[in-house]
Protein backbone atom coordinates (compact mmCIF):
# COMPACT_ATOMS: atom_id res chain seq x y z
CA MET A 1 27.78 49.05 21.28
CA SER A 2 29.63 50.34 18.24
CA LYS A 3 33.19 51.52 18.62
CA ILE A 4 34.24 54.77 16.85
CA ASP A 5 37.45 56.72 16.84
CA VAL A 6 35.91 60.21 16.79
CA THR A 7 32.31 61.18 17.39
CA ILE A 8 31.27 64.75 16.48
CA VAL A 9 27.96 66.06 17.93
CA GLY A 10 26.21 68.56 15.62
CA ALA A 11 25.91 68.75 11.88
CA GLY A 12 26.01 72.52 11.66
CA ILE A 13 28.75 74.12 9.63
CA VAL A 14 31.40 73.98 12.47
CA GLY A 15 30.78 70.26 13.13
CA LEU A 16 30.88 69.37 9.42
CA ALA A 17 33.96 71.51 8.78
CA THR A 18 35.71 69.81 11.73
CA ALA A 19 34.69 66.36 10.39
CA LEU A 20 35.97 67.21 6.91
CA GLN A 21 39.24 68.68 8.09
CA LEU A 22 39.99 65.81 10.44
CA LYS A 23 39.14 63.18 7.80
CA LYS A 24 41.45 64.88 5.34
CA ALA A 25 44.24 65.04 7.87
CA GLN A 26 43.70 61.46 9.23
CA PRO A 27 41.84 59.45 6.51
CA GLN A 28 42.26 56.19 8.43
CA LEU A 29 40.13 57.40 11.36
CA ASN A 30 36.57 56.17 11.79
CA ILE A 31 34.64 59.49 12.27
CA ILE A 32 30.90 59.91 12.64
CA VAL A 33 28.75 63.05 12.98
CA LEU A 34 25.60 62.80 15.06
CA GLU A 35 22.72 65.14 14.27
CA LYS A 36 19.40 65.20 16.10
CA GLU A 37 17.58 66.67 13.10
CA ASN A 38 16.93 65.01 9.72
CA LYS A 39 19.22 67.40 7.79
CA VAL A 40 22.41 69.43 8.12
CA ALA A 41 22.39 73.15 9.00
CA ALA A 42 19.01 73.02 10.64
CA HIS A 43 19.61 75.81 13.16
CA GLN A 44 22.22 78.55 13.47
CA THR A 45 23.93 77.69 10.12
CA GLY A 46 20.72 77.54 8.16
CA ASN A 47 19.16 80.70 9.60
CA ASN A 48 22.05 83.18 9.47
CA SER A 49 22.39 86.04 7.00
CA GLY A 50 24.88 84.40 4.62
CA VAL A 51 27.65 86.99 5.06
CA ILE A 52 31.21 86.06 4.37
CA HIS A 53 32.92 88.26 7.08
CA SER A 54 36.20 90.04 6.56
CA GLY A 55 37.44 90.00 10.21
CA ILE A 56 37.50 93.80 10.59
CA TYR A 57 35.68 93.87 13.94
CA TYR A 58 37.66 91.39 15.94
CA LYS A 59 40.42 92.05 18.52
CA PRO A 60 43.82 91.39 16.91
CA GLY A 61 45.24 88.09 18.12
CA SER A 62 41.86 86.71 19.26
CA LEU A 63 40.50 83.37 18.03
CA LYS A 64 37.79 85.25 16.18
CA ALA A 65 40.32 87.47 14.28
CA LYS A 66 42.73 84.70 13.38
CA ASN A 67 40.09 82.15 12.39
CA CYS A 68 37.82 84.61 10.55
CA ILE A 69 40.70 85.95 8.37
CA ASP A 70 42.11 82.46 7.71
CA GLY A 71 38.64 81.02 7.30
CA TYR A 72 37.65 83.85 4.85
CA HIS A 73 40.34 82.68 2.39
CA MET A 74 39.56 78.98 3.03
CA MET A 75 35.83 79.61 2.39
CA ILE A 76 36.47 81.37 -0.87
CA GLU A 77 38.62 78.55 -2.08
CA PHE A 78 36.13 75.93 -0.95
CA CYS A 79 33.37 77.70 -2.82
CA LYS A 80 35.51 77.97 -6.00
CA ALA A 81 36.64 74.31 -5.76
CA ASN A 82 33.03 73.12 -5.33
CA ASN A 83 31.24 75.55 -7.69
CA ILE A 84 29.29 77.17 -4.94
CA PRO A 85 27.92 80.61 -5.94
CA PHE A 86 29.30 83.54 -3.93
CA ASP A 87 29.74 87.27 -4.39
CA LEU A 88 32.47 89.43 -2.91
CA CYS A 89 30.25 92.49 -3.08
CA GLY A 90 31.92 94.49 -0.30
CA LYS A 91 30.23 96.40 2.49
CA ILE A 92 30.21 99.80 4.04
CA ILE A 93 30.25 100.62 7.80
CA VAL A 94 28.61 103.95 8.25
CA ALA A 95 28.76 106.52 11.11
CA THR A 96 25.64 108.71 11.20
CA HIS A 97 26.60 110.95 14.18
CA GLU A 98 29.84 112.66 15.34
CA ASN A 99 29.82 110.61 18.49
CA GLU A 100 30.34 107.40 16.43
CA LEU A 101 33.55 108.51 14.78
CA GLY A 102 35.81 107.33 17.58
CA ALA A 103 34.34 103.82 17.38
CA LEU A 104 34.58 103.99 13.54
CA ASP A 105 38.33 104.68 13.83
CA ALA A 106 38.77 101.84 16.34
CA ILE A 107 37.16 99.41 13.77
CA TYR A 108 39.38 100.74 10.99
CA ASN A 109 42.46 100.33 13.11
CA ARG A 110 41.51 96.74 13.92
CA GLY A 111 41.08 96.01 10.25
CA VAL A 112 44.55 97.38 9.51
CA GLU A 113 46.10 95.35 12.36
CA ASN A 114 44.31 92.19 11.15
CA GLY A 115 45.91 92.62 7.76
CA LEU A 116 42.91 93.57 5.67
CA GLU A 117 43.90 95.03 2.36
CA GLY A 118 41.95 97.69 0.44
CA ILE A 119 39.84 98.93 3.32
CA HIS A 120 39.51 102.75 3.26
CA TYR A 121 37.58 105.61 4.72
CA ILE A 122 34.86 107.13 2.64
CA ASN A 123 33.23 110.56 3.08
CA ALA A 124 29.54 111.50 2.78
CA ASP A 125 29.75 111.94 -0.95
CA GLU A 126 31.55 108.65 -1.48
CA ILE A 127 28.94 106.82 0.68
CA LYS A 128 26.30 108.27 -1.65
CA ALA A 129 28.26 107.08 -4.73
CA ILE A 130 28.30 103.54 -3.35
CA GLU A 131 24.83 103.49 -1.78
CA PRO A 132 22.74 106.42 -3.15
CA TYR A 133 19.92 106.08 -0.55
CA THR A 134 22.16 105.79 2.52
CA TYR A 135 22.96 108.57 4.97
CA GLY A 136 26.30 108.87 6.69
CA ILE A 137 28.93 111.43 7.60
CA LYS A 138 31.85 109.07 7.30
CA GLY A 139 32.32 105.36 6.64
CA ILE A 140 34.65 102.52 5.91
CA PHE A 141 34.53 100.52 2.67
CA VAL A 142 35.44 96.84 3.18
CA PRO A 143 36.06 95.07 -0.18
CA GLN A 144 36.60 91.58 1.39
CA THR A 145 33.02 91.08 2.60
CA GLY A 146 30.84 88.72 0.57
CA ILE A 147 27.69 86.69 0.50
CA VAL A 148 26.91 82.96 0.11
CA ASP A 149 24.31 80.42 1.10
CA TYR A 150 25.77 78.51 4.01
CA LYS A 151 23.22 75.72 3.70
CA VAL A 152 24.69 74.93 0.29
CA VAL A 153 28.21 75.11 1.81
CA ALA A 154 27.24 72.82 4.68
CA ASN A 155 25.71 70.25 2.37
CA LYS A 156 28.79 70.19 0.22
CA MET A 157 30.99 69.70 3.26
CA LYS A 158 28.77 66.71 4.23
CA GLU A 159 29.06 65.32 0.67
CA ASN A 160 32.82 65.71 0.62
CA PHE A 161 33.15 64.18 4.11
CA GLU A 162 31.06 61.14 3.06
CA LEU A 163 33.12 60.78 -0.14
CA LEU A 164 36.16 60.35 2.10
CA GLY A 165 34.43 57.62 4.07
CA GLY A 166 32.84 59.67 6.80
CA ASP A 167 29.44 58.93 8.30
CA VAL A 168 26.68 61.48 9.12
CA ARG A 169 23.91 59.96 11.15
CA PHE A 170 20.64 61.92 11.30
CA ASN A 171 17.76 61.69 13.89
CA ASN A 172 20.48 60.78 16.44
CA LYS A 173 19.92 63.07 19.42
CA VAL A 174 22.58 62.65 22.12
CA ILE A 175 20.86 62.05 25.52
CA ASN A 176 23.93 61.24 27.67
CA VAL A 177 27.74 61.28 27.65
CA LYS A 178 29.77 59.20 30.19
CA LYS A 179 33.46 58.93 30.89
CA LYS A 180 34.88 55.45 30.81
CA SER A 181 38.48 54.37 31.33
CA GLY A 182 40.25 55.24 28.09
CA SER A 183 37.10 56.19 26.17
CA ILE A 184 33.82 58.04 26.22
CA ILE A 185 30.31 56.48 25.96
CA VAL A 186 27.92 58.52 23.91
CA GLU A 187 24.22 57.56 24.33
CA THR A 188 21.77 58.52 21.62
CA VAL A 189 18.11 57.87 21.07
CA LYS A 190 19.27 55.04 18.76
CA GLY A 191 21.81 53.40 20.95
CA LYS A 192 25.27 53.75 22.51
CA ILE A 193 28.63 54.53 20.94
CA GLU A 194 32.03 54.01 22.47
CA THR A 195 34.43 56.62 21.20
CA GLN A 196 38.02 57.56 21.78
CA LEU A 197 37.23 61.25 21.39
CA ILE A 198 34.05 63.30 21.41
CA ILE A 199 34.00 66.76 19.72
CA ASN A 200 30.97 68.78 20.91
CA CYS A 201 29.75 71.17 18.19
CA ALA A 202 26.12 71.24 19.38
CA GLY A 203 25.59 74.97 19.12
CA LEU A 204 22.55 75.97 21.07
CA TYR A 205 22.91 72.86 23.18
CA CYS A 206 26.65 72.67 23.50
CA ASP A 207 26.56 73.48 27.18
CA LYS A 208 24.03 70.74 27.79
CA ILE A 209 26.25 68.18 26.07
CA ALA A 210 29.28 69.46 28.03
CA ALA A 211 27.42 69.38 31.39
CA HIS A 212 27.17 65.56 31.22
CA THR A 213 30.85 65.27 31.99
CA ILE A 214 31.52 68.75 33.44
CA PRO A 215 28.85 69.25 36.15
CA ASP A 216 30.44 72.44 37.38
CA LEU A 217 30.51 74.13 33.97
CA ASP A 218 30.94 77.87 34.50
CA MET A 219 29.01 79.07 31.51
CA LYS A 220 25.60 78.79 29.98
CA ILE A 221 24.20 79.32 26.48
CA ILE A 222 21.69 82.23 26.43
CA PRO A 223 19.63 82.20 23.23
CA PHE A 224 19.14 85.53 21.50
CA ARG A 225 16.64 85.66 18.60
CA GLY A 226 17.51 87.86 15.69
CA GLU A 227 14.39 88.90 13.67
CA TYR A 228 14.56 90.18 10.11
CA TYR A 229 12.35 92.04 7.71
CA ALA A 230 12.90 91.85 3.97
CA LEU A 231 12.58 94.65 1.47
CA LYS A 232 9.76 94.20 -0.95
CA PRO A 233 11.09 93.24 -4.49
CA ASN A 234 10.17 96.65 -5.85
CA LYS A 235 12.20 98.37 -3.13
CA ARG A 236 15.47 96.29 -3.43
CA PHE A 237 17.08 99.08 -5.50
CA LEU A 238 17.48 100.96 -2.23
CA VAL A 239 20.43 98.72 -1.26
CA LYS A 240 23.31 97.87 -3.60
CA HIS A 241 25.76 96.10 -1.28
CA LEU A 242 25.81 95.50 2.51
CA ILE A 243 25.23 98.47 4.87
CA TYR A 244 26.18 98.29 8.53
CA PRO A 245 26.04 100.88 11.32
CA VAL A 246 28.91 101.49 13.78
CA PRO A 247 28.14 98.84 16.53
CA ASP A 248 27.96 99.54 20.22
CA PRO A 249 31.44 98.36 21.35
CA ASN A 250 30.03 97.17 24.69
CA PHE A 251 27.33 94.93 23.09
CA PRO A 252 28.21 91.68 21.16
CA PHE A 253 25.85 92.46 18.28
CA LEU A 254 26.39 94.50 15.12
CA GLY A 255 23.16 96.43 15.14
CA VAL A 256 20.39 96.42 12.53
CA HIS A 257 21.82 96.49 9.01
CA PHE A 258 21.00 95.78 5.43
CA THR A 259 22.26 92.54 3.80
CA ARG A 260 21.92 91.57 0.10
CA ARG A 261 21.56 87.80 -0.04
CA ILE A 262 22.96 85.55 -2.78
CA ASP A 263 19.32 84.99 -4.10
CA GLY A 264 18.84 88.72 -4.50
CA GLU A 265 16.68 89.29 -1.42
CA ILE A 266 17.56 92.29 0.82
CA GLU A 267 17.31 91.52 4.56
CA ALA A 268 16.92 94.32 7.12
CA GLY A 269 17.87 93.48 10.72
CA PRO A 270 18.36 91.77 12.95
CA ASN A 271 17.35 92.89 16.36
CA ALA A 272 18.58 90.89 19.36
CA VAL A 273 15.92 89.69 21.86
CA LEU A 274 16.02 86.96 24.43
CA ALA A 275 14.53 83.83 22.98
CA PHE A 276 12.05 82.08 25.22
CA LYS A 277 13.20 78.71 23.83
CA ARG A 278 16.66 77.70 22.65
CA GLU A 279 15.32 76.94 19.21
CA GLY A 280 12.57 79.57 19.50
CA TYR A 281 12.41 81.18 16.07
CA LYS A 282 8.96 82.68 16.74
CA LYS A 283 7.73 84.86 19.58
CA SER A 284 5.09 82.29 20.30
CA GLN A 285 7.62 79.48 20.91
CA ILE A 286 8.19 79.09 24.62
CA ASN A 287 9.91 76.38 26.69
CA ILE A 288 9.28 77.21 30.34
CA ALA A 289 12.23 75.21 31.66
CA GLU A 290 14.71 76.69 29.19
CA LEU A 291 13.44 80.27 29.87
CA TRP A 292 13.63 79.77 33.57
CA GLU A 293 17.25 78.48 33.17
CA SER A 294 18.15 81.67 31.24
CA LEU A 295 16.39 84.05 33.59
CA THR A 296 17.88 82.60 36.78
CA TRP A 297 21.44 82.16 35.52
CA SER A 298 23.55 84.51 37.69
CA GLY A 299 25.49 85.67 34.67
CA PHE A 300 22.38 86.59 32.72
CA ILE A 301 20.94 88.53 35.69
CA LYS A 302 24.00 90.67 35.65
CA VAL A 303 23.89 91.14 31.91
CA ALA A 304 20.25 92.17 32.12
CA SER A 305 20.89 94.69 34.91
CA LYS A 306 23.61 96.29 32.74
CA TYR A 307 21.84 96.30 29.35
CA TRP A 308 18.15 96.51 30.47
CA LYS A 309 17.55 99.77 28.56
CA THR A 310 19.01 98.26 25.41
CA GLY A 311 17.10 95.08 25.95
CA LEU A 312 13.79 96.87 26.36
CA GLY A 313 14.42 98.82 23.17
CA GLU A 314 15.13 95.56 21.24
CA MET A 315 12.01 93.97 22.63
CA TYR A 316 9.90 96.98 21.72
CA ARG A 317 11.16 96.93 18.16
CA SER A 318 10.33 93.18 18.04
CA PHE A 319 6.65 93.92 18.57
CA ASN A 320 6.44 97.28 16.79
CA LYS A 321 7.18 97.35 13.02
CA ASN A 322 7.18 101.18 13.01
CA ALA A 323 9.89 101.24 15.69
CA PHE A 324 11.97 98.67 13.76
CA THR A 325 11.60 100.83 10.69
CA LYS A 326 12.70 103.91 12.58
CA ALA A 327 15.94 102.11 13.65
CA LEU A 328 16.54 101.18 10.02
CA SER A 329 15.91 104.69 8.81
CA LYS A 330 19.05 105.82 10.65
CA LEU A 331 20.93 104.28 7.74
CA LEU A 332 18.30 104.55 5.07
CA PRO A 333 16.21 107.69 5.77
CA GLY A 334 13.78 107.09 2.93
CA ILE A 335 12.61 103.67 4.12
CA GLU A 336 8.97 103.23 5.13
CA SER A 337 7.09 100.53 7.03
CA ASP A 338 5.23 99.54 3.84
CA ASP A 339 8.54 98.78 2.14
CA LEU A 340 9.10 95.89 4.51
CA VAL A 341 7.67 92.38 4.79
CA THR A 342 8.35 89.95 7.63
CA GLY A 343 11.48 87.89 6.97
CA GLY A 344 13.05 85.04 8.77
CA ALA A 345 14.65 84.71 12.14
CA GLY A 346 17.69 82.97 13.66
CA VAL A 347 18.76 82.20 17.22
CA ARG A 348 22.29 82.98 18.28
CA ALA A 349 23.86 80.71 20.88
CA GLN A 350 25.63 83.37 23.12
CA ALA A 351 27.79 82.01 25.90
CA CYS A 352 27.50 83.83 29.20
CA ASP A 353 29.76 83.24 32.16
CA LYS A 354 28.79 83.29 35.82
CA ASN A 355 30.14 86.83 36.31
CA GLY A 356 27.86 88.40 33.73
CA GLY A 357 30.30 88.40 30.82
CA LEU A 358 28.92 87.76 27.38
CA ILE A 359 31.88 85.73 26.11
CA ASP A 360 33.15 87.60 23.08
CA ASP A 361 35.69 85.21 21.62
CA PHE A 362 35.40 81.67 20.40
CA TYR A 363 35.73 79.33 23.42
CA ILE A 364 36.98 75.76 23.17
CA LYS A 365 37.42 73.65 26.26
CA GLU A 366 39.44 70.46 26.40
CA LEU A 367 39.38 67.48 28.71
CA PRO A 368 40.89 63.97 28.22
CA GLY A 369 38.92 62.44 25.31
CA GLN A 370 36.73 65.59 24.93
CA ILE A 371 36.77 68.79 22.97
CA HIS A 372 33.88 71.18 23.56
CA VAL A 373 33.18 74.13 21.32
CA LEU A 374 31.29 76.28 23.85
CA ASN A 375 31.08 79.60 22.07
CA ALA A 376 31.03 79.90 18.26
CA PRO A 377 28.70 82.73 17.24
CA SER A 378 29.27 84.94 14.22
CA PRO A 379 31.65 84.79 12.36
CA ALA A 380 31.68 81.03 12.94
CA ALA A 381 30.24 80.31 9.46
CA THR A 382 32.96 82.29 7.73
CA SER A 383 35.59 80.88 10.08
CA SER A 384 34.27 77.25 9.96
CA LEU A 385 37.03 75.64 7.93
CA SER A 386 39.73 77.38 9.96
CA ILE A 387 38.04 76.40 13.21
CA GLY A 388 37.65 72.93 11.89
CA LYS A 389 41.36 72.75 11.11
CA THR A 390 42.23 74.04 14.59
CA ILE A 391 39.99 71.45 16.24
CA ALA A 392 41.31 68.76 13.98
CA GLU A 393 44.88 69.51 15.11
CA LEU A 394 43.72 69.36 18.75
CA ALA A 395 41.97 66.06 18.04
CA VAL A 396 45.17 64.47 16.66
CA LYS A 397 47.01 65.39 19.80
CA HIS A 398 44.25 63.78 21.91
CA LEU A 399 44.34 60.63 19.84
CA SER A 400 48.09 60.32 19.89
């Protein structure tokens, strides 16, 4: 059995950022990252929209707000230092109806409270000047928003971590975690590791890893698939920057929007539908046991009873391209079904508590010798270096 100071589970962007930040802070530590796949960023990190978020949406003082704003600056500096292409193209958040103006004001006020500079209201004419094909009665321009390829970022984090002496081990699925006096035993498909500290950054399976040592865990990951279409190349002129609607403040998703990617592609979406498998990127991918777990979780039953109309609408759009196009036409009235081709999909690991709360903020749970990252959805990629620094500071306390 090998003995390691710190074992990090998951080579997504949060796990890699944590490994890098901890290795920088404590270079003498023997740190390994265990990843069940054969590459980094195989799931949430590698299937997101590539947006560098500004932090405008998040409740002031929350972990999301603090880490997103700090992480934004850290991400920009990391990209510059490592010659990673990025573009601070800015975005607009657009209200299309009078009944959205109150929520738009709330978003603006959060941005101001969170210290964003340069955000400003734009009227209908100014919306047209920025995005000629977009309809809106009022909006907010957010200059801080950008785009990047987070797979490239994650691979560079891995490279930098390894240059410092870190070790990333692929095809090392964790199958058990046990507490031992003064240490933790991590069992993988390739053997056992004794570690002083385990840091669980397992994303869609973070609750499963945590449940090995916390049998009464009061939350569960509910997987929501986000499906995208892409504008055909000859229709990319319809979108210049990033275009977002005013989100439903009661639902933890931003609504279908338009995102220009760093490679020039324009994505349209995503919706938000229950995935029938935790890593179910296609409608046809079903894991009966995982689906049953989601459907019978008391918290999800309460969520479903509250949002069933919204959920049915999302599911309908998932199977009906014309309905999806109609939702997009709220922002881009001229768009037609033939302008779109099927794009990619990602699965969001959304933590849900027993009482039916979709946990909105980042959620980190600590026990002796254990740090579990149990909710890190968007903007986790933007925030990753800040989250990693936060977890690294917690880790030092555990080790001391």
